Every structure is written in C-alpha cells, then in structure tokens.
C-alpha cells in the first residue's frame, strides 16, 4: 500500500459512484479556446449555485449549478459542502455519464442541499460577535472570554477558570485591554483553544491507539472547512482544531475513526467493525457530530 494513501473524515457526506471502464478518447478539436467561465457570470443564478460552478443540471424540480473537475480517480465523487455541490470524475468519463450519476443521486443531492441551507441559516443566527464577554462553545459547554488588562495577568496571556456548577459558563481571562479589536480577541481565543485541542487530542490518541493495536507517528491540527480529520498510511493524523467545541464523546469518535484507518484504509464494513470494537455506539456519536453545526469562525 502506498505510504501516501490518505483517508479523510468529511464534515459533509461524500458519495462515490462507480464508473464504467474507460472508452477510447475522442479526438481533440484543434484551435484556440477559452477556459470555462463560472456559470454565475454567464447564466441566471440557479436555485443552488456553487461559487465556482462550471456546469448546471436540473434534478427533478431542483436547479443546481455545481463545481466540476476531473482527476486521477476511479469513481465519480460528489459532495455537498458549505458552497454547494462539488463533483469530480475520472478523465475518461463522459459528461453524459456524470449527469446520469447525478440523476441517480438526485434525491440525496436535493436533500443535502436543503439541509446545508438550513445549517447555514442556523449558523448565521449563531454568528460570533468578538467583544468583551463573547461566548463560544467549548467541550460541549460554554466558554466566556473576558478582557482583563490587570497586572495579575500578563499581556496577551490567557487564564482559564472552570465552573464547578453544571450548565454554567466557564471563564477565559485574556490579557487584553478593553479597547482590543475584534480580530485581537478572536485570535487570542483561537490560540488558547488550539493549545487545548493539541493537548487533548494527543491524550486521546494515546488512549485509543493501544486499544486498536496501531501506532500513530505525528499529530497536526487543521482548519479545514469540510473535514474533521484524516489519516495517512505513514501514521500521520490530522484533526480539525474546532473539534474542541464538541463534547469529549464526539472528539473520541473522530480520534477512533482516524486511528481505525491505520488498520483499514477505506470505509468498508471491515473498517466500521474495527471502529465498533472500541466504540460500540459510534453511530450515535457520528450522528451528533453531523447534526450539531458550529458557528462561523470569522
């Protein structure tokens, strides 16, 4: 197995479609040609339009403009993310075959696009306003950032004060003046959360790796918009730092998921059986991860 093989855990579902074997490549027309323009610049806006859309299709009553690319792959892949529908296909697959695959998945695509719209609306209502007293999710609870420029707290430092009572705010005191900008407050909170994430993820990797009889080599944090984590055959693990907003049970699911890929580098039944050996209720944790949107981090 190639050491560069990598499996990812997407925030949003990805649906692979098998494709027929390659057919003879048609002759390429000679002469100058212009690169494809985004559809948004040349056609009226579709019901669902990806900002980098290059193709458009009618799926039942749903009009979808989607981002399309070709690459070295064996299947037609499609995913619905924050921007809309993205489709990738092998170089030998015709546009007609791609559109046929999309129509086969029309109900799934329409449902996911609607769910994504609802998710965006919910996240918009939760948009973070970066000011003194801002509240952000932390390990399934709530963390309130308080600006504190007193001598007891060094400049640009942070001090965590946990709450002893359930359903009450934890406090994070930031060594910033009251006139700190929203960007300064956001960056200070993010820096602290990322430090906590790195330490916690490392601890959980050390916990689950022996249970799965695997060895991981290094951990790095990501800020990916659509992936919670990834694992490579070389033992490198990448985890999205924003997992630290979720409860420990959800974080543990992603950790166990990625470590399981060090034994099974696909999402076959054998892979899910591997996850289940250390986490019998993984399906419920996976559902929580999928159904609890996080506020935009701007």
C-alpha atoms as a PDB file:
ATOM      1  CA  UNK A   1       0.000   0.000   0.000  1.00  0.00           C
ATOM      2  CA  UNK A   2       1.360   3.386  -0.903  1.00  0.00           C
ATOM      3  CA  UNK A   3       2.630   5.370   2.048  1.00  0.00           C
ATOM      4  CA  UNK A   4       0.877   8.391   0.608  1.00  0.00           C
ATOM      5  CA  UNK A   5      -2.574   6.798   0.737  1.00  0.00           C
ATOM      6  CA  UNK A   6      -4.816   9.000   2.827  1.00  0.00           C
ATOM      7  CA  UNK A   7      -8.335   8.685   4.211  1.00  0.00           C
ATOM      8  CA  UNK A   8     -10.355  11.677   5.311  1.00  0.00           C
ATOM      9  CA  UNK A   9     -13.384  12.172   7.540  1.00  0.00           C
ATOM     10  CA  UNK A  10     -15.571  14.796   5.900  1.00  0.00           C
ATOM     11  CA  UNK A  11     -17.804  17.199   7.746  1.00  0.00           C
ATOM     12  CA  UNK A  12     -20.287  16.688   4.941  1.00  0.00           C
ATOM     13  CA  UNK A  13     -21.144  13.383   3.320  1.00  0.00           C
ATOM     14  CA  UNK A  14     -19.308  12.303   0.185  1.00  0.00           C
ATOM     15  CA  UNK A  15     -20.968   9.914  -2.241  1.00  0.00           C
ATOM     16  CA  UNK A  16     -18.744   7.884  -4.633  1.00  0.00           C
ATOM     17  CA  UNK A  17     -20.327   6.422  -7.769  1.00  0.00           C
ATOM     18  CA  UNK A  18     -18.762   3.511  -9.703  1.00  0.00           C
ATOM     19  CA  UNK A  19     -17.997   4.319 -13.308  1.00  0.00           C
ATOM     20  CA  UNK A  20     -17.642   2.214 -16.462  1.00  0.00           C
ATOM     21  CA  UNK A  21     -14.190   1.348 -17.843  1.00  0.00           C
ATOM     22  CA  UNK A  22     -12.514   3.991 -19.994  1.00  0.00           C
ATOM     23  CA  UNK A  23     -13.653   4.293 -23.581  1.00  0.00           C
ATOM     24  CA  UNK A  24     -11.468   5.465 -26.467  1.00  0.00           C
ATOM     25  CA  UNK A  25     -10.615   9.133 -26.029  1.00  0.00           C
ATOM     26  CA  UNK A  26     -12.279  11.318 -28.692  1.00  0.00           C
ATOM     27  CA  UNK A  27     -10.122  13.472 -30.899  1.00  0.00           C
ATOM     28  CA  UNK A  28      -9.408  16.916 -29.506  1.00  0.00           C
ATOM     29  CA  UNK A  29     -10.521  19.777 -31.708  1.00  0.00           C
ATOM     30  CA  UNK A  30      -7.655  21.939 -32.835  1.00  0.00           C
ATOM     31  CA  UNK A  31      -7.563  25.686 -32.492  1.00  0.00           C
ATOM     32  CA  UNK A  32      -7.599  28.281 -29.728  1.00  0.00           C
ATOM     33  CA  UNK A  33     -10.194  28.038 -26.998  1.00  0.00           C
ATOM     34  CA  UNK A  34     -11.066  29.945 -23.856  1.00  0.00           C
ATOM     35  CA  UNK A  35     -11.176  28.423 -20.359  1.00  0.00           C
ATOM     36  CA  UNK A  36     -14.630  27.718 -18.980  1.00  0.00           C
ATOM     37  CA  UNK A  37     -16.281  30.685 -17.316  1.00  0.00           C
ATOM     38  CA  UNK A  38     -18.064  30.250 -13.984  1.00  0.00           C
ATOM     39  CA  UNK A  39     -21.748  29.806 -14.715  1.00  0.00           C
ATOM     40  CA  UNK A  40     -22.620  32.547 -12.281  1.00  0.00           C
ATOM     41  CA  UNK A  41     -21.076  35.040 -14.709  1.00  0.00           C
ATOM     42  CA  UNK A  42     -22.929  33.915 -17.836  1.00  0.00           C
ATOM     43  CA  UNK A  43     -26.284  32.444 -16.742  1.00  0.00           C
ATOM     44  CA  UNK A  44     -29.094  33.471 -14.405  1.00  0.00           C
ATOM     45  CA  UNK A  45     -28.497  32.182 -10.893  1.00  0.00           C
ATOM     46  CA  UNK A  46     -29.673  28.638 -10.215  1.00  0.00           C
ATOM     47  CA  UNK A  47     -31.663  27.575  -7.185  1.00  0.00           C
ATOM     48  CA  UNK A  48     -28.418  26.229  -5.698  1.00  0.00           C
ATOM     49  CA  UNK A  49     -25.249  27.761  -7.145  1.00  0.00           C
ATOM     50  CA  UNK A  50     -21.688  26.866  -6.200  1.00  0.00           C
ATOM     51  CA  UNK A  51     -19.437  29.984  -6.372  1.00  0.00           C
ATOM     52  CA  UNK A  52     -17.068  28.103  -8.708  1.00  0.00           C
ATOM     53  CA  UNK A  53     -19.808  26.411 -10.732  1.00  0.00           C
ATOM     54  CA  UNK A  54     -18.893  25.374 -14.277  1.00  0.00           C
ATOM     55  CA  UNK A  55     -21.857  23.095 -15.065  1.00  0.00           C
ATOM     56  CA  UNK A  56     -25.568  23.124 -14.416  1.00  0.00           C
ATOM     57  CA  UNK A  57     -28.216  20.404 -14.203  1.00  0.00           C
ATOM     58  CA  UNK A  58     -31.918  20.072 -13.478  1.00  0.00           C
ATOM     59  CA  UNK A  59     -32.525  17.373 -10.864  1.00  0.00           C
ATOM     60  CA  UNK A  60     -36.281  16.942 -10.753  1.00  0.00           C
ATOM     61  CA  UNK A  61     -37.569  20.299  -9.540  1.00  0.00           C
ATOM     62  CA  UNK A  62     -34.143  21.357  -8.242  1.00  0.00           C
ATOM     63  CA  UNK A  63     -31.912  23.565 -10.405  1.00  0.00           C
ATOM     64  CA  UNK A  64     -28.256  23.042  -9.425  1.00  0.00           C
ATOM     65  CA  UNK A  65     -25.100  24.773 -10.688  1.00  0.00           C
ATOM     66  CA  UNK A  66     -22.127  22.724  -9.495  1.00  0.00           C
ATOM     67  CA  UNK A  67     -18.333  22.822  -9.449  1.00  0.00           C
ATOM     68  CA  UNK A  68     -16.901  20.105 -11.693  1.00  0.00           C
ATOM     69  CA  UNK A  69     -13.354  18.851 -12.051  1.00  0.00           C
ATOM     70  CA  UNK A  70     -11.576  15.847 -13.497  1.00  0.00           C
ATOM     71  CA  UNK A  71      -8.677  13.987 -11.963  1.00  0.00           C
ATOM     72  CA  UNK A  72      -6.881  10.699 -11.429  1.00  0.00           C
ATOM     73  CA  UNK A  73      -9.614   8.724  -9.711  1.00  0.00           C
ATOM     74  CA  UNK A  74     -11.660   5.587 -10.381  1.00  0.00           C
ATOM     75  CA  UNK A  75     -15.133   6.766  -9.407  1.00  0.00           C
ATOM     76  CA  UNK A  76     -17.414   9.736  -9.777  1.00  0.00           C
ATOM     77  CA  UNK A  77     -17.377  11.572  -6.461  1.00  0.00           C
ATOM     78  CA  UNK A  78     -19.881  14.127  -5.246  1.00  0.00           C
ATOM     79  CA  UNK A  79     -20.093  16.098  -2.027  1.00  0.00           C
ATOM     80  CA  UNK A  80     -22.325  18.825  -0.657  1.00  0.00           C
ATOM     81  CA  UNK A  81     -20.447  21.393   1.403  1.00  0.00           C
ATOM     82  CA  UNK A  82     -20.900  24.999   2.528  1.00  0.00           C
ATOM     83  CA  UNK A  83     -20.526  26.278  -1.053  1.00  0.00           C
ATOM     84  CA  UNK A  84     -22.833  23.731  -2.671  1.00  0.00           C
ATOM     85  CA  UNK A  85     -22.398  20.644  -4.849  1.00  0.00           C
ATOM     86  CA  UNK A  86     -18.915  19.594  -5.982  1.00  0.00           C
ATOM     87  CA  UNK A  87     -18.414  16.756  -8.476  1.00  0.00           C
ATOM     88  CA  UNK A  88     -15.186  15.061  -9.546  1.00  0.00           C
ATOM     89  CA  UNK A  89     -14.756  12.359 -12.173  1.00  0.00           C
ATOM     90  CA  UNK A  90     -12.084  10.311 -13.966  1.00  0.00           C
ATOM     91  CA  UNK A  91     -10.767  11.776 -17.191  1.00  0.00           C
ATOM     92  CA  UNK A  92     -12.363   9.086 -19.361  1.00  0.00           C
ATOM     93  CA  UNK A  93     -15.941   9.518 -18.084  1.00  0.00           C
ATOM     94  CA  UNK A  94     -18.261  11.460 -20.391  1.00  0.00           C
ATOM     95  CA  UNK A  95     -20.375  14.393 -19.251  1.00  0.00           C
ATOM     96  CA  UNK A  96     -23.451  12.312 -20.039  1.00  0.00           C
ATOM     97  CA  UNK A  97     -22.295   9.588 -17.647  1.00  0.00           C
ATOM     98  CA  UNK A  98     -21.623  12.186 -14.959  1.00  0.00           C
ATOM     99  CA  UNK A  99     -25.099  13.667 -15.361  1.00  0.00           C
ATOM    100  CA  UNK A 100     -26.637  10.188 -15.295  1.00  0.00           C
ATOM    101  CA  UNK A 101     -24.878   9.529 -11.972  1.00  0.00           C
ATOM    102  CA  UNK A 102     -26.142  12.852 -10.610  1.00  0.00           C
ATOM    103  CA  UNK A 103     -29.708  11.997 -11.583  1.00  0.00           C
ATOM    104  CA  UNK A 104     -29.375   8.634  -9.836  1.00  0.00           C
ATOM    105  CA  UNK A 105     -28.466  10.570  -6.693  1.00  0.00           C
ATOM    106  CA  UNK A 106     -30.965  13.402  -7.268  1.00  0.00           C
ATOM    107  CA  UNK A 107     -32.944  12.808  -4.064  1.00  0.00           C
ATOM    108  CA  UNK A 108     -29.767  12.607  -1.970  1.00  0.00           C
ATOM    109  CA  UNK A 109     -28.311  15.772  -3.544  1.00  0.00           C
ATOM    110  CA  UNK A 110     -31.530  17.775  -3.129  1.00  0.00           C
ATOM    111  CA  UNK A 111     -31.905  16.677   0.478  1.00  0.00           C
ATOM    112  CA  UNK A 112     -28.303  17.562   1.328  1.00  0.00           C
ATOM    113  CA  UNK A 113     -28.528  20.968  -0.354  1.00  0.00           C
ATOM    114  CA  UNK A 114     -31.648  21.799   1.647  1.00  0.00           C
ATOM    115  CA  UNK A 115     -30.030  20.556   4.867  1.00  0.00           C
ATOM    116  CA  UNK A 116     -26.961  22.668   4.132  1.00  0.00           C
ATOM    117  CA  UNK A 117     -29.136  25.747   3.623  1.00  0.00           C
ATOM    118  CA  UNK A 118     -30.819  25.133   6.962  1.00  0.00           C
ATOM    119  CA  UNK A 119     -27.419  24.609   8.573  1.00  0.00           C
ATOM    120  CA  UNK A 120     -26.192  27.935   7.172  1.00  0.00           C
ATOM    121  CA  UNK A 121     -29.269  29.734   8.474  1.00  0.00           C
ATOM    122  CA  UNK A 122     -28.742  28.235  11.909  1.00  0.00           C
ATOM    123  CA  UNK A 123     -25.042  29.120  11.908  1.00  0.00           C
ATOM    124  CA  UNK A 124     -25.843  32.651  10.770  1.00  0.00           C
ATOM    125  CA  UNK A 125     -28.049  33.078  13.819  1.00  0.00           C
ATOM    126  CA  UNK A 126     -25.129  31.865  15.962  1.00  0.00           C
ATOM    127  CA  UNK A 127     -22.561  34.198  14.398  1.00  0.00           C
ATOM    128  CA  UNK A 128     -19.918  35.172  16.937  1.00  0.00           C
ATOM    129  CA  UNK A 129     -19.544  38.861  17.807  1.00  0.00           C
ATOM    130  CA  UNK A 130     -15.983  39.289  19.025  1.00  0.00           C
ATOM    131  CA  UNK A 131     -16.132  41.606  22.032  1.00  0.00           C
ATOM    132  CA  UNK A 132     -15.600  41.564  25.793  1.00  0.00           C
ATOM    133  CA  UNK A 133     -17.795  38.784  27.212  1.00  0.00           C
ATOM    134  CA  UNK A 134     -18.118  36.817  23.965  1.00  0.00           C
ATOM    135  CA  UNK A 135     -19.282  33.222  24.487  1.00  0.00           C
ATOM    136  CA  UNK A 136     -18.012  30.293  22.396  1.00  0.00           C
ATOM    137  CA  UNK A 137     -18.677  26.534  22.637  1.00  0.00           C
ATOM    138  CA  UNK A 138     -16.011  24.507  24.438  1.00  0.00           C
ATOM    139  CA  UNK A 139     -16.100  20.742  25.075  1.00  0.00           C
ATOM    140  CA  UNK A 140     -19.881  20.733  24.810  1.00  0.00           C
ATOM    141  CA  UNK A 141     -20.267  23.637  27.239  1.00  0.00           C
ATOM    142  CA  UNK A 142     -19.913  27.402  27.026  1.00  0.00           C
ATOM    143  CA  UNK A 143     -16.766  29.478  27.466  1.00  0.00           C
ATOM    144  CA  UNK A 144     -16.938  33.235  28.100  1.00  0.00           C
ATOM    145  CA  UNK A 145     -13.907  35.346  27.184  1.00  0.00           C
ATOM    146  CA  UNK A 146     -13.314  38.308  29.492  1.00  0.00           C
ATOM    147  CA  UNK A 147     -10.817  41.071  28.747  1.00  0.00           C
ATOM    148  CA  UNK A 148      -8.501  41.675  31.696  1.00  0.00           C
ATOM    149  CA  UNK A 149      -5.538  44.026  31.468  1.00  0.00           C
ATOM    150  CA  UNK A 150      -4.794  43.958  35.200  1.00  0.00           C
ATOM    151  CA  UNK A 151      -1.288  43.382  36.458  1.00  0.00           C
ATOM    152  CA  UNK A 152      -2.273  39.905  37.629  1.00  0.00           C
ATOM    153  CA  UNK A 153      -2.456  38.775  34.003  1.00  0.00           C
ATOM    154  CA  UNK A 154       0.452  39.154  31.593  1.00  0.00           C
ATOM    155  CA  UNK A 155      -0.147  40.919  28.294  1.00  0.00           C
ATOM    156  CA  UNK A 156      -1.558  38.600  25.601  1.00  0.00           C
ATOM    157  CA  UNK A 157      -1.779  35.677  28.046  1.00  0.00           C
ATOM    158  CA  UNK A 158      -4.877  33.659  28.950  1.00  0.00           C
ATOM    159  CA  UNK A 159      -6.149  32.173  32.200  1.00  0.00           C
ATOM    160  CA  UNK A 160      -8.867  29.511  32.323  1.00  0.00           C
ATOM    161  CA  UNK A 161     -11.315  29.489  35.237  1.00  0.00           C
ATOM    162  CA  UNK A 162     -13.548  26.398  35.088  1.00  0.00           C
ATOM    163  CA  UNK A 163     -17.032  26.474  36.537  1.00  0.00           C
ATOM    164  CA  UNK A 164     -17.868  23.964  39.256  1.00  0.00           C
ATOM    165  CA  UNK A 165     -21.599  24.120  38.506  1.00  0.00           C
ATOM    166  CA  UNK A 166     -23.316  22.292  35.633  1.00  0.00           C
ATOM    167  CA  UNK A 167     -24.755  24.339  32.768  1.00  0.00           C
ATOM    168  CA  UNK A 168     -22.832  27.464  33.743  1.00  0.00           C
ATOM    169  CA  UNK A 169     -20.192  29.412  31.866  1.00  0.00           C
ATOM    170  CA  UNK A 170     -16.504  28.686  32.113  1.00  0.00           C
ATOM    171  CA  UNK A 171     -14.354  31.826  32.035  1.00  0.00           C
ATOM    172  CA  UNK A 172     -11.293  32.571  29.935  1.00  0.00           C
ATOM    173  CA  UNK A 173      -9.497  35.722  31.059  1.00  0.00           C
ATOM    174  CA  UNK A 174      -7.488  37.327  28.271  1.00  0.00           C
ATOM    175  CA  UNK A 175      -4.581  39.672  28.884  1.00  0.00           C
ATOM    176  CA  UNK A 176      -6.007  42.282  26.526  1.00  0.00           C
ATOM    177  CA  UNK A 177      -7.159  45.881  27.075  1.00  0.00           C
ATOM    178  CA  UNK A 178     -10.840  46.787  26.856  1.00  0.00           C
ATOM    179  CA  UNK A 179     -10.158  48.573  23.569  1.00  0.00           C
ATOM    180  CA  UNK A 180      -8.826  45.397  21.908  1.00  0.00           C
ATOM    181  CA  UNK A 181     -10.086  44.882  18.357  1.00  0.00           C
ATOM    182  CA  UNK A 182     -12.435  42.023  17.409  1.00  0.00           C
ATOM    183  CA  UNK A 183      -9.563  40.413  15.485  1.00  0.00           C
ATOM    184  CA  UNK A 184      -7.290  40.516  18.548  1.00  0.00           C
ATOM    185  CA  UNK A 185      -9.975  38.935  20.714  1.00  0.00           C
ATOM    186  CA  UNK A 186     -10.736  36.237  18.139  1.00  0.00           C
ATOM    187  CA  UNK A 187      -7.059  35.392  17.639  1.00  0.00           C
ATOM    188  CA  UNK A 188      -6.412  35.201  21.394  1.00  0.00           C
ATOM    189  CA  UNK A 189      -9.362  32.859  21.952  1.00  0.00           C
ATOM    190  CA  UNK A 190      -8.383  30.718  18.962  1.00  0.00           C
ATOM    191  CA  UNK A 191      -4.765  30.431  20.094  1.00  0.00           C
ATOM    192  CA  UNK A 192      -5.876  29.201  23.522  1.00  0.00           C
ATOM    193  CA  UNK A 193      -8.410  26.754  22.064  1.00  0.00           C
ATOM    194  CA  UNK A 194      -5.817  25.340  19.669  1.00  0.00           C
ATOM    195  CA  UNK A 195      -3.385  24.725  22.526  1.00  0.00           C
ATOM    196  CA  UNK A 196      -6.087  22.875  24.443  1.00  0.00           C
ATOM    197  CA  UNK A 197      -7.047  20.922  21.323  1.00  0.00           C
ATOM    198  CA  UNK A 198      -3.483  19.762  20.660  1.00  0.00           C
ATOM    199  CA  UNK A 199      -3.021  18.560  24.233  1.00  0.00           C
ATOM    200  CA  UNK A 200      -6.417  16.836  24.422  1.00  0.00           C
ATOM    201  CA  UNK A 201      -6.171  15.170  21.007  1.00  0.00           C
ATOM    202  CA  UNK A 202      -2.716  13.835  21.868  1.00  0.00           C
ATOM    203  CA  UNK A 203      -4.057  12.359  25.099  1.00  0.00           C
ATOM    204  CA  UNK A 204      -6.963  10.664  23.316  1.00  0.00           C
ATOM    205  CA  UNK A 205      -4.715   9.276  20.570  1.00  0.00           C
ATOM    206  CA  UNK A 206      -2.511   7.724  23.247  1.00  0.00           C
ATOM    207  CA  UNK A 207      -5.637   6.240  24.853  1.00  0.00           C
ATOM    208  CA  UNK A 208      -7.160   4.629  21.749  1.00  0.00           C
ATOM    209  CA  UNK A 209      -4.048   3.573  19.811  1.00  0.00           C
ATOM    210  CA  UNK A 210      -3.190   0.612  22.108  1.00  0.00           C
ATOM    211  CA  UNK A 211      -6.831  -0.499  22.111  1.00  0.00           C
ATOM    212  CA  UNK A 212      -6.729  -0.683  18.308  1.00  0.00           C
ATOM    213  CA  UNK A 213      -3.187  -2.090  18.265  1.00  0.00           C
ATOM    214  CA  UNK A 214      -1.906   0.692  15.997  1.00  0.00           C
ATOM    215  CA  UNK A 215       0.869   3.265  16.202  1.00  0.00           C
ATOM    216  CA  UNK A 216       0.480   6.835  15.053  1.00  0.00           C
ATOM    217  CA  UNK A 217       3.542   8.921  14.206  1.00  0.00           C
ATOM    218  CA  UNK A 218       2.561  12.572  14.424  1.00  0.00           C
ATOM    219  CA  UNK A 219      -0.423  14.837  15.018  1.00  0.00           C
ATOM    220  CA  UNK A 220      -1.132  18.116  13.272  1.00  0.00           C
ATOM    221  CA  UNK A 221      -4.089  20.469  13.583  1.00  0.00           C
ATOM    222  CA  UNK A 222      -6.098  21.605  10.592  1.00  0.00           C
ATOM    223  CA  UNK A 223      -8.576  24.400   9.923  1.00  0.00           C
ATOM    224  CA  UNK A 224     -10.275  22.634   7.024  1.00  0.00           C
ATOM    225  CA  UNK A 225     -13.742  23.862   6.134  1.00  0.00           C
ATOM    226  CA  UNK A 226     -15.151  20.430   5.255  1.00  0.00           C
ATOM    227  CA  UNK A 227     -13.016  17.803   7.021  1.00  0.00           C
ATOM    228  CA  UNK A 228     -12.872  16.744  10.629  1.00  0.00           C
ATOM    229  CA  UNK A 229      -9.782  14.612  10.230  1.00  0.00           C
ATOM    230  CA  UNK A 230      -7.561  12.461   8.068  1.00  0.00           C
ATOM    231  CA  UNK A 231      -5.095   9.607   8.449  1.00  0.00           C
ATOM    232  CA  UNK A 232      -2.264   8.514   6.181  1.00  0.00           C
ATOM    233  CA  UNK A 233      -0.718   5.079   5.829  1.00  0.00           C
ATOM    234  CA  UNK A 234       2.503   6.533   7.252  1.00  0.00           C
ATOM    235  CA  UNK A 235       0.754   7.104  10.596  1.00  0.00           C
ATOM    236  CA  UNK A 236       0.225  10.860  10.285  1.00  0.00           C
ATOM    237  CA  UNK A 237      -3.011  12.076  11.863  1.00  0.00           C
ATOM    238  CA  UNK A 238      -4.651  15.430  11.133  1.00  0.00           C
ATOM    239  CA  UNK A 239      -7.537  16.638  13.292  1.00  0.00           C
ATOM    240  CA  UNK A 240      -9.581  19.800  12.939  1.00  0.00           C
ATOM    241  CA  UNK A 241      -8.921  22.018  15.951  1.00  0.00           C
ATOM    242  CA  UNK A 242     -12.581  23.046  16.036  1.00  0.00           C
ATOM    243  CA  UNK A 243     -13.474  19.579  17.308  1.00  0.00           C
ATOM    244  CA  UNK A 244     -12.627  21.093  20.696  1.00  0.00           C
ATOM    245  CA  UNK A 245     -16.054  22.779  20.622  1.00  0.00           C
ATOM    246  CA  UNK A 246     -17.717  19.349  20.872  1.00  0.00           C
ATOM    247  CA  UNK A 247     -18.173  17.017  23.820  1.00  0.00           C
ATOM    248  CA  UNK A 248     -15.382  14.567  24.585  1.00  0.00           C
ATOM    249  CA  UNK A 249     -17.549  11.675  23.374  1.00  0.00           C
ATOM    250  CA  UNK A 250     -17.691  13.215  19.898  1.00  0.00           C
ATOM    251  CA  UNK A 251     -13.973  14.009  19.859  1.00  0.00           C
ATOM    252  CA  UNK A 252     -13.257  10.405  20.819  1.00  0.00           C
ATOM    253  CA  UNK A 253     -15.315   9.190  17.863  1.00  0.00           C
ATOM    254  CA  UNK A 254     -13.201  11.159  15.376  1.00  0.00           C
ATOM    255  CA  UNK A 255      -9.980  10.012  17.062  1.00  0.00           C
ATOM    256  CA  UNK A 256     -11.073   6.354  16.969  1.00  0.00           C
ATOM    257  CA  UNK A 257     -12.236   6.791  13.367  1.00  0.00           C
ATOM    258  CA  UNK A 258      -8.880   8.075  12.163  1.00  0.00           C
ATOM    259  CA  UNK A 259      -6.848   5.540  14.138  1.00  0.00           C
ATOM    260  CA  UNK A 260      -9.005   2.751  12.687  1.00  0.00           C
ATOM    261  CA  UNK A 261      -7.819   3.832   9.251  1.00  0.00           C
ATOM    262  CA  UNK A 262      -4.326   2.744  10.252  1.00  0.00           C
ATOM    263  CA  UNK A 263      -5.744  -0.791  10.150  1.00  0.00           C
ATOM    264  CA  UNK A 264      -8.290  -0.468   7.338  1.00  0.00           C
ATOM    265  CA  UNK A 265      -7.677   2.271   4.765  1.00  0.00           C
ATOM    266  CA  UNK A 266     -11.228   2.505   3.423  1.00  0.00           C
ATOM    267  CA  UNK A 267     -14.812   2.726   4.662  1.00  0.00           C
ATOM    268  CA  UNK A 268     -15.705  -0.919   4.083  1.00  0.00           C
ATOM    269  CA  UNK A 269     -17.770  -2.960   6.572  1.00  0.00           C
ATOM    270  CA  UNK A 270     -14.459  -4.228   7.985  1.00  0.00           C
ATOM    271  CA  UNK A 271     -13.492  -0.638   8.794  1.00  0.00           C
ATOM    272  CA  UNK A 272     -16.705   0.066  10.701  1.00  0.00           C
ATOM    273  CA  UNK A 273     -16.345  -3.250  12.531  1.00  0.00           C
ATOM    274  CA  UNK A 274     -12.897  -2.039  13.618  1.00  0.00           C
ATOM    275  CA  UNK A 275     -14.312   1.227  14.967  1.00  0.00           C
ATOM    276  CA  UNK A 276     -17.034  -0.719  16.754  1.00  0.00           C
ATOM    277  CA  UNK A 277     -14.505  -2.817  18.696  1.00  0.00           C
ATOM    278  CA  UNK A 278     -13.534   0.250  20.736  1.00  0.00           C
ATOM    279  CA  UNK A 279     -16.762   2.256  20.376  1.00  0.00           C
ATOM    280  CA  UNK A 280     -19.966   0.189  20.108  1.00  0.00           C
ATOM    281  CA  UNK A 281     -22.100   3.365  19.997  1.00  0.00           C
ATOM    282  CA  UNK A 282     -20.040   5.086  17.292  1.00  0.00           C
ATOM    283  CA  UNK A 283     -23.120   5.583  15.067  1.00  0.00           C
ATOM    284  CA  UNK A 284     -24.829   7.789  17.640  1.00  0.00           C
ATOM    285  CA  UNK A 285     -21.670   9.840  18.188  1.00  0.00           C
ATOM    286  CA  UNK A 286     -21.306  10.200  14.434  1.00  0.00           C
ATOM    287  CA  UNK A 287     -24.887  11.462  14.219  1.00  0.00           C
ATOM    288  CA  UNK A 288     -24.247  14.088  16.906  1.00  0.00           C
ATOM    289  CA  UNK A 289     -21.138  15.281  15.062  1.00  0.00           C
ATOM    290  CA  UNK A 290     -23.149  15.617  11.865  1.00  0.00           C
ATOM    291  CA  UNK A 291     -26.244  17.260  13.384  1.00  0.00           C
ATOM    292  CA  UNK A 292     -24.657  19.876  15.659  1.00  0.00           C
ATOM    293  CA  UNK A 293     -23.420  22.759  13.467  1.00  0.00           C
ATOM    294  CA  UNK A 294     -20.787  25.137  14.767  1.00  0.00           C
ATOM    295  CA  UNK A 295     -20.975  28.933  14.469  1.00  0.00           C
ATOM    296  CA  UNK A 296     -18.845  30.507  11.713  1.00  0.00           C
ATOM    297  CA  UNK A 297     -15.368  31.416  12.946  1.00  0.00           C
ATOM    298  CA  UNK A 298     -14.855  34.907  11.497  1.00  0.00           C
END
